[in-house]
Every structure is written in structure tokens, then in C-alpha cells.
């Protein structure tokens, strides 16, 4: 039998029967737990610098071509702000691929994306593959835009370790731009 209880609940090397273990666990959970509250997660990803409304988007649904109108990132971000206002304990996440894919990126290299992202003030931004389209120096420039406002969005990546002192992402230390683990507290 696998020990799923703290060591103190094992008596003289004998194992407790399953029924007693289940009852003890339920009693312990019921007695020591309290409702922690609701958590609302607002999440986007892959906006690829598509910042303005676009009525030219097409989808295939059940084999039929369908035109779709996108109201653009300002509408998405307005909805996120609305939902944040209606809920307590909100975490706002962007899962990457914010840049590259439209004329906005070609002309502004992420500055327009960062300005809109700072309107939302994401609690965390995970890097996607397209963030690297302009190399480490281009990504560092985009992240500078992202952190130029009042918002300091943590940038996350668990599988990226640029060489310190060599990469534009790690001029002084490994966490100059990228954090391996986020920390976010909410109360209420």
C-alpha cells in the first residue's frame, strides 16, 4: 500500500484499512479547508499584430466557407477590461505570439502591440516562437516597449536560457528579460 498520509498517521508499522484512510482524509479535508474564493482567468494568445478590425477573415465551417469579422485587439482588450471590472481575483495572461503577421509589426516592430498590451496590463506574458522572428535583439526591443509604460508584465519562458553577456536578452544576468516562474497574488 502506498503511503498517502503524513507519516504521523501510520501506527506502529501497520497500515490503516482503506475505509479508515478515506474517512480520515475526508474528515481532515472538511475540518481544515475553507473556501478560498473564485479566480477568473482572462487569456489570449496568437494575436500576431492583428490590431485593427478586419472583415476579410475566412473560416471553413462544416465544409462551407464563411466570412468572419474581427473587431480587432482594441475590442478584445475592452472586453477583458469589462470582465475584469465584473470579477474579483482576476489574472490576465497572454500566451505568446503577440507580434509578427501584419503591417503593424513590419512598421513598428512590436511598439504598437506593446502599447495595446500595456492597456490591459497582463499579469504574465509567455513567449511564443514568433517573438523571436527578429532575433534576440528584436525581442529585447519589443520587451522594452512592453515595459516602458506603468505596467511591468513578467515575461515567462521555461525552456529558454540565452547566454549571459552574449544575448541581448541576458546582458547582465539570466533574468534580465525572462523570468522562469511567475508569482501572482490576489486577495478577496
N, C-alpha and C. Protein backbone atom coordinates (compact mmCIF):
# COMPACT_ATOMS: atom_id res chain seq x y z
N UNK A 1 0.84 -1.18 0.00
CA UNK A 1 0.00 0.00 0.00
C UNK A 1 0.88 1.24 0.00
N UNK A 2 0.54 2.20 -0.79
CA UNK A 2 1.30 3.44 -0.88
C UNK A 2 0.90 4.37 0.25
N UNK A 3 1.88 4.98 0.88
CA UNK A 3 1.63 5.91 1.98
C UNK A 3 1.16 7.23 1.40
N UNK A 4 -0.14 7.52 1.53
CA UNK A 4 -0.67 8.78 1.04
C UNK A 4 -0.98 9.74 2.18
N UNK A 5 -0.71 9.31 3.39
CA UNK A 5 -0.97 10.15 4.56
C UNK A 5 0.35 10.59 5.17
N UNK A 6 0.33 11.69 5.93
CA UNK A 6 1.55 12.09 6.61
C UNK A 6 2.05 10.96 7.51
N UNK A 7 3.35 10.91 7.73
CA UNK A 7 3.98 9.84 8.50
C UNK A 7 3.32 9.64 9.85
N UNK A 8 2.88 10.69 10.49
CA UNK A 8 2.28 10.60 11.82
C UNK A 8 1.01 9.77 11.87
N UNK A 9 0.37 9.51 10.73
CA UNK A 9 -0.87 8.74 10.74
C UNK A 9 -0.62 7.24 10.57
N UNK A 10 0.59 6.83 10.39
CA UNK A 10 0.92 5.42 10.33
C UNK A 10 1.18 4.94 11.75
N UNK A 11 0.54 3.88 12.15
CA UNK A 11 0.63 3.44 13.54
C UNK A 11 1.43 2.16 13.64
N UNK A 12 2.55 2.22 14.34
CA UNK A 12 3.39 1.06 14.67
C UNK A 12 3.64 0.16 13.48
N UNK A 13 3.89 0.75 12.35
CA UNK A 13 4.24 -0.02 11.16
C UNK A 13 3.07 -0.72 10.50
N UNK A 14 1.87 -0.60 11.07
CA UNK A 14 0.69 -1.22 10.48
C UNK A 14 -0.02 -0.21 9.58
N UNK A 15 -0.59 -0.67 8.54
CA UNK A 15 -1.32 0.23 7.66
C UNK A 15 -2.78 0.28 8.08
N UNK A 16 -3.37 1.41 7.89
CA UNK A 16 -4.80 1.57 8.17
C UNK A 16 -5.60 1.01 7.00
N UNK A 17 -6.75 0.53 7.28
CA UNK A 17 -7.59 0.00 6.21
C UNK A 17 -8.09 1.13 5.32
N UNK A 18 -8.41 0.80 4.07
CA UNK A 18 -8.83 1.83 3.11
C UNK A 18 -10.00 2.66 3.62
N UNK A 19 -10.96 2.06 4.20
CA UNK A 19 -12.14 2.80 4.69
C UNK A 19 -11.76 3.81 5.75
N UNK A 20 -10.88 3.42 6.64
CA UNK A 20 -10.44 4.33 7.69
C UNK A 20 -9.61 5.46 7.09
N UNK A 21 -8.76 5.12 6.12
CA UNK A 21 -7.94 6.14 5.46
C UNK A 21 -8.84 7.14 4.75
N UNK A 22 -9.82 6.65 4.00
CA UNK A 22 -10.73 7.55 3.29
C UNK A 22 -11.48 8.44 4.26
N UNK A 23 -11.97 7.88 5.33
CA UNK A 23 -12.70 8.66 6.33
C UNK A 23 -11.79 9.70 6.98
N UNK A 24 -10.56 9.31 7.30
CA UNK A 24 -9.62 10.24 7.91
C UNK A 24 -9.29 11.39 6.96
N UNK A 25 -9.12 11.07 5.67
CA UNK A 25 -8.81 12.12 4.70
C UNK A 25 -9.99 13.07 4.53
N UNK A 26 -11.20 12.53 4.41
CA UNK A 26 -12.37 13.39 4.27
C UNK A 26 -12.57 14.26 5.50
N UNK A 27 -12.38 13.70 6.66
CA UNK A 27 -12.52 14.47 7.89
C UNK A 27 -11.47 15.58 7.95
N UNK A 28 -10.24 15.24 7.61
CA UNK A 28 -9.17 16.24 7.63
C UNK A 28 -9.42 17.34 6.60
N UNK A 29 -9.88 16.95 5.41
CA UNK A 29 -10.15 17.95 4.39
C UNK A 29 -11.32 18.85 4.79
N UNK A 30 -12.36 18.25 5.33
CA UNK A 30 -13.53 19.02 5.73
C UNK A 30 -13.26 19.94 6.89
N UNK A 31 -12.47 19.50 7.83
CA UNK A 31 -12.22 20.28 9.03
C UNK A 31 -11.23 21.41 8.79
N UNK A 32 -10.27 21.18 7.90
CA UNK A 32 -9.20 22.17 7.75
C UNK A 32 -9.30 23.04 6.52
N UNK A 33 -10.31 22.85 5.69
CA UNK A 33 -10.35 23.63 4.47
C UNK A 33 -11.38 24.75 4.58
N UNK A 34 -11.16 25.78 3.83
CA UNK A 34 -12.09 26.90 3.76
C UNK A 34 -12.20 27.32 2.31
N UNK A 35 -13.30 27.90 1.96
CA UNK A 35 -13.49 28.38 0.61
C UNK A 35 -12.53 29.53 0.34
N UNK A 36 -11.72 29.40 -0.68
CA UNK A 36 -10.70 30.40 -0.97
C UNK A 36 -11.20 31.50 -1.89
N UNK A 37 -12.33 31.31 -2.52
CA UNK A 37 -12.86 32.33 -3.42
C UNK A 37 -12.74 31.91 -4.87
N UNK A 38 -13.25 32.75 -5.73
CA UNK A 38 -13.22 32.49 -7.16
C UNK A 38 -11.99 33.13 -7.78
N UNK A 39 -11.52 32.54 -8.83
CA UNK A 39 -10.42 33.07 -9.61
C UNK A 39 -10.87 33.11 -11.06
N UNK A 40 -10.77 34.27 -11.68
CA UNK A 40 -11.13 34.43 -13.08
C UNK A 40 -9.85 34.59 -13.88
N UNK A 41 -9.69 33.77 -14.91
CA UNK A 41 -8.52 33.84 -15.77
C UNK A 41 -8.96 34.39 -17.13
N UNK A 42 -8.39 35.52 -17.50
CA UNK A 42 -8.64 36.11 -18.81
C UNK A 42 -7.40 35.85 -19.65
N UNK A 43 -7.56 35.20 -20.78
CA UNK A 43 -6.42 34.68 -21.54
C UNK A 43 -6.57 34.97 -23.02
N UNK A 44 -5.48 35.38 -23.64
CA UNK A 44 -5.44 35.46 -25.10
C UNK A 44 -4.10 34.92 -25.57
N UNK A 45 -4.01 34.64 -26.83
CA UNK A 45 -2.74 34.27 -27.46
C UNK A 45 -2.87 34.45 -28.97
N UNK A 46 -1.74 34.45 -29.64
CA UNK A 46 -1.67 34.45 -31.09
C UNK A 46 -2.42 35.61 -31.75
N UNK A 47 -2.24 36.82 -31.25
CA UNK A 47 -2.89 37.93 -31.96
C UNK A 47 -2.05 38.43 -33.13
N UNK A 48 -0.78 38.04 -33.21
CA UNK A 48 0.08 38.25 -34.38
C UNK A 48 -0.02 39.65 -34.98
N UNK A 49 -0.02 40.66 -34.16
CA UNK A 49 -0.05 42.06 -34.60
C UNK A 49 -1.29 42.42 -35.42
N UNK A 50 -2.34 41.62 -35.32
CA UNK A 50 -3.61 41.96 -35.98
C UNK A 50 -4.38 42.87 -35.03
N UNK A 51 -4.11 44.15 -35.14
CA UNK A 51 -4.59 45.10 -34.16
C UNK A 51 -5.90 45.78 -34.56
N UNK A 52 -6.18 45.91 -35.82
CA UNK A 52 -7.37 46.66 -36.24
C UNK A 52 -8.47 45.70 -36.69
N UNK A 53 -9.71 46.20 -36.76
CA UNK A 53 -10.80 45.36 -37.25
C UNK A 53 -10.51 44.85 -38.66
N UNK A 54 -11.00 43.65 -38.94
CA UNK A 54 -10.74 43.04 -40.24
C UNK A 54 -11.97 42.23 -40.65
N UNK A 55 -12.57 42.60 -41.75
CA UNK A 55 -13.74 41.89 -42.26
C UNK A 55 -13.39 40.88 -43.34
N UNK A 56 -12.09 40.66 -43.57
CA UNK A 56 -11.68 39.77 -44.65
C UNK A 56 -11.31 38.37 -44.16
N UNK A 57 -11.52 38.09 -42.90
CA UNK A 57 -11.14 36.77 -42.36
C UNK A 57 -12.12 35.72 -42.84
N UNK A 58 -11.59 34.56 -43.20
CA UNK A 58 -12.43 33.47 -43.65
C UNK A 58 -12.20 32.21 -42.86
N UNK A 59 -13.26 31.48 -42.61
CA UNK A 59 -13.20 30.19 -41.92
C UNK A 59 -13.97 29.17 -42.75
N UNK A 60 -13.63 27.92 -42.56
CA UNK A 60 -14.40 26.84 -43.16
C UNK A 60 -15.12 26.12 -42.03
N UNK A 61 -16.43 26.18 -42.04
CA UNK A 61 -17.25 25.52 -41.03
C UNK A 61 -18.14 24.49 -41.72
N UNK A 62 -18.03 23.25 -41.29
CA UNK A 62 -18.77 22.16 -41.93
C UNK A 62 -18.58 22.15 -43.44
N UNK A 63 -17.37 22.44 -43.89
CA UNK A 63 -17.05 22.41 -45.30
C UNK A 63 -17.48 23.64 -46.07
N UNK A 64 -18.12 24.59 -45.42
CA UNK A 64 -18.59 25.81 -46.10
C UNK A 64 -17.68 26.98 -45.73
N UNK A 65 -17.31 27.74 -46.73
CA UNK A 65 -16.52 28.95 -46.49
C UNK A 65 -17.41 30.01 -45.86
N UNK A 66 -16.88 30.63 -44.82
CA UNK A 66 -17.64 31.63 -44.07
C UNK A 66 -16.75 32.84 -43.84
N UNK A 67 -17.31 34.02 -44.05
CA UNK A 67 -16.58 35.25 -43.77
C UNK A 67 -16.81 35.62 -42.31
N UNK A 68 -15.75 36.08 -41.66
CA UNK A 68 -15.83 36.45 -40.25
C UNK A 68 -15.29 37.86 -40.10
N UNK A 69 -15.93 38.65 -39.28
CA UNK A 69 -15.43 39.99 -38.99
C UNK A 69 -14.78 39.96 -37.61
N UNK A 70 -13.55 40.42 -37.58
CA UNK A 70 -12.83 40.57 -36.32
C UNK A 70 -12.87 42.05 -35.94
N UNK A 71 -13.22 42.34 -34.71
CA UNK A 71 -13.27 43.73 -34.27
C UNK A 71 -11.91 44.24 -33.82
N UNK A 72 -10.89 43.41 -33.90
CA UNK A 72 -9.53 43.85 -33.60
C UNK A 72 -9.21 43.81 -32.11
N UNK A 73 -7.95 44.05 -31.83
CA UNK A 73 -7.46 43.96 -30.45
C UNK A 73 -8.06 45.01 -29.52
N UNK A 74 -8.35 46.22 -29.95
CA UNK A 74 -9.00 47.15 -29.01
C UNK A 74 -10.32 46.60 -28.46
N UNK A 75 -11.08 45.89 -29.31
CA UNK A 75 -12.34 45.30 -28.84
C UNK A 75 -12.08 44.15 -27.87
N UNK A 76 -11.07 43.33 -28.16
CA UNK A 76 -10.71 42.23 -27.26
C UNK A 76 -10.28 42.79 -25.90
N UNK A 77 -9.43 43.78 -25.94
CA UNK A 77 -8.93 44.35 -24.69
C UNK A 77 -10.02 45.09 -23.92
N UNK A 78 -10.96 45.74 -24.63
CA UNK A 78 -12.09 46.38 -23.96
C UNK A 78 -12.94 45.34 -23.24
N UNK A 79 -13.14 44.19 -23.87
CA UNK A 79 -13.90 43.11 -23.25
C UNK A 79 -13.16 42.58 -22.02
N UNK A 80 -11.84 42.46 -22.12
CA UNK A 80 -11.06 42.00 -20.97
C UNK A 80 -11.21 42.97 -19.80
N UNK A 81 -11.16 44.28 -20.09
CA UNK A 81 -11.33 45.28 -19.02
C UNK A 81 -12.73 45.20 -18.41
N UNK A 82 -13.73 44.99 -19.27
CA UNK A 82 -15.10 44.85 -18.78
C UNK A 82 -15.21 43.65 -17.84
N UNK A 83 -14.69 42.51 -18.26
CA UNK A 83 -14.75 41.29 -17.44
C UNK A 83 -13.95 41.46 -16.15
N UNK A 84 -12.85 42.16 -16.22
CA UNK A 84 -12.07 42.42 -15.01
C UNK A 84 -12.87 43.26 -14.02
N UNK A 85 -13.63 44.22 -14.53
CA UNK A 85 -14.45 45.06 -13.67
C UNK A 85 -15.60 44.31 -13.02
N UNK A 86 -16.03 43.22 -13.64
CA UNK A 86 -17.16 42.44 -13.12
C UNK A 86 -16.74 41.34 -12.16
N UNK A 87 -15.45 41.08 -12.07
CA UNK A 87 -14.96 39.96 -11.27
C UNK A 87 -13.87 40.40 -10.31
N UNK A 88 -13.79 39.71 -9.19
CA UNK A 88 -12.68 39.89 -8.27
C UNK A 88 -11.64 38.83 -8.59
N UNK A 89 -10.45 39.00 -8.12
CA UNK A 89 -9.40 37.99 -8.30
C UNK A 89 -9.24 37.58 -9.76
N UNK A 90 -8.81 38.51 -10.57
CA UNK A 90 -8.63 38.27 -12.00
C UNK A 90 -7.14 38.17 -12.31
N UNK A 91 -6.79 37.19 -13.11
CA UNK A 91 -5.44 37.06 -13.64
C UNK A 91 -5.54 37.16 -15.16
N UNK A 92 -4.74 38.05 -15.75
CA UNK A 92 -4.75 38.28 -17.19
C UNK A 92 -3.46 37.71 -17.79
N UNK A 93 -3.62 36.78 -18.72
CA UNK A 93 -2.47 36.09 -19.30
C UNK A 93 -2.44 36.24 -20.81
N UNK A 94 -1.24 36.39 -21.35
CA UNK A 94 -1.04 36.35 -22.81
C UNK A 94 -0.06 35.22 -23.06
N UNK A 95 -0.47 34.24 -23.85
CA UNK A 95 0.34 33.04 -24.04
C UNK A 95 1.22 33.09 -25.28
N UNK A 96 1.54 34.28 -25.76
CA UNK A 96 2.55 34.40 -26.78
C UNK A 96 2.06 34.57 -28.20
N UNK A 97 3.03 34.77 -29.09
CA UNK A 97 2.80 35.10 -30.49
C UNK A 97 1.98 36.38 -30.61
N UNK A 98 2.40 37.39 -29.86
CA UNK A 98 1.76 38.70 -29.91
C UNK A 98 2.14 39.44 -31.18
N UNK A 99 3.34 39.21 -31.66
CA UNK A 99 3.86 40.02 -32.77
C UNK A 99 4.04 39.20 -34.03
N UNK A 100 4.28 39.93 -35.12
CA UNK A 100 4.61 39.38 -36.43
C UNK A 100 3.35 38.85 -37.12
N UNK A 101 3.09 39.39 -38.28
CA UNK A 101 1.95 38.88 -39.04
C UNK A 101 1.13 39.96 -39.71
N UNK A 102 1.45 41.23 -39.46
CA UNK A 102 0.71 42.29 -40.13
C UNK A 102 1.64 43.48 -40.38
N UNK A 103 1.13 44.46 -41.09
CA UNK A 103 1.89 45.66 -41.40
C UNK A 103 2.26 46.42 -40.12
N UNK A 104 1.43 46.29 -39.07
CA UNK A 104 1.76 46.95 -37.80
C UNK A 104 3.13 46.49 -37.29
N UNK A 105 3.40 45.20 -37.41
CA UNK A 105 4.70 44.71 -36.95
C UNK A 105 5.81 45.14 -37.90
N UNK A 106 5.54 45.06 -39.18
CA UNK A 106 6.56 45.45 -40.17
C UNK A 106 6.99 46.90 -39.95
N UNK A 107 6.05 47.78 -39.66
CA UNK A 107 6.36 49.20 -39.49
C UNK A 107 6.87 49.55 -38.10
N UNK A 108 6.30 48.93 -37.06
CA UNK A 108 6.56 49.39 -35.69
C UNK A 108 7.32 48.39 -34.82
N UNK A 109 7.59 47.20 -35.34
CA UNK A 109 8.42 46.19 -34.65
C UNK A 109 7.96 45.90 -33.22
N UNK A 110 6.64 45.85 -33.02
CA UNK A 110 6.10 45.48 -31.71
C UNK A 110 5.69 46.64 -30.84
N UNK A 111 6.06 47.86 -31.20
CA UNK A 111 5.72 49.01 -30.35
C UNK A 111 4.20 49.20 -30.25
N UNK A 112 3.48 49.04 -31.36
CA UNK A 112 2.02 49.17 -31.34
C UNK A 112 1.38 48.05 -30.51
N UNK A 113 1.90 46.83 -30.66
CA UNK A 113 1.39 45.70 -29.86
C UNK A 113 1.60 45.96 -28.38
N UNK A 114 2.80 46.41 -28.02
CA UNK A 114 3.14 46.66 -26.62
C UNK A 114 2.25 47.74 -26.03
N UNK A 115 1.97 48.79 -26.81
CA UNK A 115 1.12 49.87 -26.31
C UNK A 115 -0.27 49.34 -25.97
N UNK A 116 -0.84 48.50 -26.83
CA UNK A 116 -2.16 47.92 -26.54
C UNK A 116 -2.08 46.92 -25.39
N UNK A 117 -1.04 46.13 -25.36
CA UNK A 117 -0.88 45.15 -24.26
C UNK A 117 -0.75 45.86 -22.92
N UNK A 118 -0.12 47.02 -22.92
CA UNK A 118 0.01 47.78 -21.67
C UNK A 118 -1.32 48.38 -21.22
N UNK A 119 -2.27 48.52 -22.12
CA UNK A 119 -3.61 48.96 -21.73
C UNK A 119 -4.29 47.90 -20.87
N UNK A 120 -4.02 46.64 -21.17
CA UNK A 120 -4.57 45.53 -20.39
C UNK A 120 -3.76 45.30 -19.13
N UNK A 121 -2.46 45.48 -19.22
CA UNK A 121 -1.52 45.21 -18.12
C UNK A 121 -1.61 43.74 -17.70
N UNK A 122 -1.09 42.88 -18.56
CA UNK A 122 -1.13 41.44 -18.31
C UNK A 122 -0.32 41.08 -17.07
N UNK A 123 -0.78 40.08 -16.34
CA UNK A 123 -0.06 39.58 -15.17
C UNK A 123 1.12 38.71 -15.58
N UNK A 124 1.07 38.18 -16.79
CA UNK A 124 2.20 37.38 -17.30
C UNK A 124 2.06 37.27 -18.81
N UNK A 125 3.21 37.21 -19.47
CA UNK A 125 3.29 37.05 -20.92
C UNK A 125 4.30 35.95 -21.20
N UNK A 126 3.84 34.86 -21.80
CA UNK A 126 4.73 33.75 -22.16
C UNK A 126 5.19 33.95 -23.59
N UNK A 127 6.46 33.79 -23.82
CA UNK A 127 7.00 33.97 -25.16
C UNK A 127 6.54 32.87 -26.10
N UNK A 128 6.18 33.27 -27.31
CA UNK A 128 5.86 32.33 -28.36
C UNK A 128 6.99 32.32 -29.38
N UNK A 129 6.92 31.44 -30.34
CA UNK A 129 8.01 31.35 -31.32
C UNK A 129 8.14 32.61 -32.17
N UNK A 130 7.04 33.29 -32.46
CA UNK A 130 7.13 34.47 -33.33
C UNK A 130 7.75 35.68 -32.64
N UNK A 131 7.84 35.66 -31.33
CA UNK A 131 8.54 36.74 -30.64
C UNK A 131 10.02 36.75 -31.03
N UNK A 132 10.54 35.65 -31.54
CA UNK A 132 11.95 35.55 -31.92
C UNK A 132 12.19 35.82 -33.41
N UNK A 133 11.16 36.23 -34.15
CA UNK A 133 11.33 36.45 -35.59
C UNK A 133 12.39 37.49 -35.92
N UNK A 134 12.61 38.46 -35.05
CA UNK A 134 13.62 39.48 -35.27
C UNK A 134 14.88 39.21 -34.44
N UNK A 135 15.04 37.98 -33.97
CA UNK A 135 16.21 37.60 -33.18
C UNK A 135 16.10 38.09 -31.74
N UNK A 136 17.09 37.77 -30.94
CA UNK A 136 17.09 38.18 -29.53
C UNK A 136 17.07 39.69 -29.36
N UNK A 137 17.80 40.41 -30.22
CA UNK A 137 17.83 41.88 -30.13
C UNK A 137 16.46 42.47 -30.44
N UNK A 138 15.78 41.93 -31.45
CA UNK A 138 14.43 42.40 -31.78
C UNK A 138 13.45 42.11 -30.66
N UNK A 139 13.57 40.94 -30.04
CA UNK A 139 12.71 40.60 -28.91
C UNK A 139 12.98 41.51 -27.73
N UNK A 140 14.24 41.78 -27.45
CA UNK A 140 14.59 42.68 -26.35
C UNK A 140 13.97 44.06 -26.58
N UNK A 141 13.99 44.53 -27.81
CA UNK A 141 13.41 45.84 -28.14
C UNK A 141 11.90 45.82 -27.89
N UNK A 142 11.21 44.76 -28.33
CA UNK A 142 9.77 44.62 -28.08
C UNK A 142 9.49 44.59 -26.57
N UNK A 143 10.29 43.85 -25.81
CA UNK A 143 10.08 43.76 -24.37
C UNK A 143 10.36 45.09 -23.69
N UNK A 144 11.29 45.88 -24.24
CA UNK A 144 11.50 47.24 -23.72
C UNK A 144 10.25 48.09 -23.94
N UNK A 145 9.63 47.96 -25.13
CA UNK A 145 8.37 48.66 -25.38
C UNK A 145 7.31 48.20 -24.38
N UNK A 146 7.24 46.91 -24.15
CA UNK A 146 6.23 46.34 -23.25
C UNK A 146 6.40 46.84 -21.83
N UNK A 147 7.63 47.09 -21.42
CA UNK A 147 7.88 47.54 -20.05
C UNK A 147 8.10 49.04 -19.94
N UNK A 148 7.79 49.79 -21.00
CA UNK A 148 8.01 51.23 -20.97
C UNK A 148 6.87 51.99 -20.30
N UNK A 149 5.74 51.38 -20.14
CA UNK A 149 4.60 52.05 -19.52
C UNK A 149 4.56 51.82 -18.02
N UNK A 150 3.40 52.06 -17.44
CA UNK A 150 3.20 51.86 -16.00
C UNK A 150 3.13 50.39 -15.62
N UNK A 151 2.94 49.55 -16.61
CA UNK A 151 2.78 48.12 -16.38
C UNK A 151 4.12 47.41 -16.52
N UNK A 152 4.42 46.53 -15.61
CA UNK A 152 5.64 45.71 -15.72
C UNK A 152 5.23 44.25 -15.83
N UNK A 153 4.91 43.85 -17.03
CA UNK A 153 4.45 42.48 -17.27
C UNK A 153 5.62 41.51 -17.20
N UNK A 154 5.56 40.52 -16.30
CA UNK A 154 6.61 39.50 -16.28
C UNK A 154 6.58 38.68 -17.57
N UNK A 155 7.74 38.44 -18.12
CA UNK A 155 7.87 37.65 -19.35
C UNK A 155 8.40 36.28 -18.94
N UNK A 156 7.69 35.24 -19.37
CA UNK A 156 7.97 33.89 -18.91
C UNK A 156 8.44 32.98 -20.04
N UNK A 157 9.38 32.15 -19.73
CA UNK A 157 9.82 31.11 -20.65
C UNK A 157 10.65 30.10 -19.84
N UNK A 158 10.20 28.88 -19.80
CA UNK A 158 10.88 27.86 -19.01
C UNK A 158 11.99 27.16 -19.80
N UNK A 159 11.95 27.23 -21.12
CA UNK A 159 12.88 26.45 -21.92
C UNK A 159 13.86 27.31 -22.71
N UNK A 160 14.05 28.54 -22.29
CA UNK A 160 14.96 29.45 -22.99
C UNK A 160 16.02 29.92 -22.02
N UNK A 161 17.27 29.69 -22.36
CA UNK A 161 18.38 30.10 -21.49
C UNK A 161 19.47 30.74 -22.34
N UNK A 162 19.26 32.02 -22.74
CA UNK A 162 20.28 32.70 -23.54
C UNK A 162 21.57 32.88 -22.72
N UNK A 163 22.68 32.89 -23.42
CA UNK A 163 23.98 33.01 -22.75
C UNK A 163 24.15 34.42 -22.18
N UNK A 164 24.42 34.48 -20.88
CA UNK A 164 24.60 35.76 -20.19
C UNK A 164 25.80 36.50 -20.77
N UNK A 165 25.60 37.78 -21.03
CA UNK A 165 26.67 38.61 -21.57
C UNK A 165 26.81 38.53 -23.08
N UNK A 166 26.11 37.59 -23.70
CA UNK A 166 26.20 37.42 -25.15
C UNK A 166 24.88 37.82 -25.81
N UNK A 167 23.77 37.35 -25.27
CA UNK A 167 22.45 37.62 -25.84
C UNK A 167 21.94 38.99 -25.38
N UNK A 168 21.18 39.65 -26.26
CA UNK A 168 20.53 40.91 -25.89
C UNK A 168 19.50 40.69 -24.79
N UNK A 169 19.05 39.46 -24.61
CA UNK A 169 18.06 39.15 -23.57
C UNK A 169 18.69 38.95 -22.19
N UNK A 170 19.99 38.74 -22.16
CA UNK A 170 20.69 38.49 -20.89
C UNK A 170 22.00 39.28 -20.83
N UNK A 171 21.94 40.61 -20.89
CA UNK A 171 23.19 41.37 -20.89
C UNK A 171 23.97 41.25 -19.58
N UNK A 172 23.25 41.11 -18.45
CA UNK A 172 23.92 41.05 -17.14
C UNK A 172 23.67 39.77 -16.38
N UNK A 173 22.45 39.25 -16.48
CA UNK A 173 22.09 38.02 -15.77
C UNK A 173 20.98 37.30 -16.53
N UNK A 174 20.75 36.07 -16.16
CA UNK A 174 19.78 35.23 -16.87
C UNK A 174 18.34 35.69 -16.77
N UNK A 175 18.03 36.58 -15.84
CA UNK A 175 16.65 37.03 -15.66
C UNK A 175 16.48 38.51 -16.00
N UNK A 176 17.36 39.06 -16.83
CA UNK A 176 17.21 40.47 -17.23
C UNK A 176 15.87 40.72 -17.90
N UNK A 177 15.45 39.84 -18.78
CA UNK A 177 14.18 40.00 -19.51
C UNK A 177 13.19 38.87 -19.25
N UNK A 178 13.67 37.66 -19.03
CA UNK A 178 12.81 36.49 -18.96
C UNK A 178 12.85 35.89 -17.56
N UNK A 179 11.65 35.62 -17.02
CA UNK A 179 11.53 35.01 -15.70
C UNK A 179 11.13 33.55 -15.88
N UNK A 180 11.71 32.64 -15.11
CA UNK A 180 11.34 31.23 -15.26
C UNK A 180 10.02 30.87 -14.58
N UNK A 181 9.68 31.54 -13.47
CA UNK A 181 8.49 31.18 -12.70
C UNK A 181 7.77 32.45 -12.26
N UNK A 182 6.46 32.54 -12.56
CA UNK A 182 5.71 33.74 -12.15
C UNK A 182 5.21 33.65 -10.72
N UNK A 183 4.96 34.77 -10.13
CA UNK A 183 4.33 34.83 -8.81
C UNK A 183 3.25 35.89 -8.89
N UNK A 184 2.05 35.54 -8.49
CA UNK A 184 0.92 36.46 -8.61
C UNK A 184 0.01 36.26 -7.42
N UNK A 185 -0.26 37.32 -6.66
CA UNK A 185 -1.13 37.22 -5.50
C UNK A 185 -2.43 37.97 -5.75
N UNK A 186 -3.53 37.40 -5.32
CA UNK A 186 -4.83 38.05 -5.39
C UNK A 186 -5.49 37.89 -4.02
N UNK A 187 -6.22 38.88 -3.60
CA UNK A 187 -6.95 38.80 -2.34
C UNK A 187 -8.40 39.12 -2.59
N UNK A 188 -9.26 38.57 -1.74
CA UNK A 188 -10.67 38.89 -1.85
C UNK A 188 -11.48 37.77 -2.17
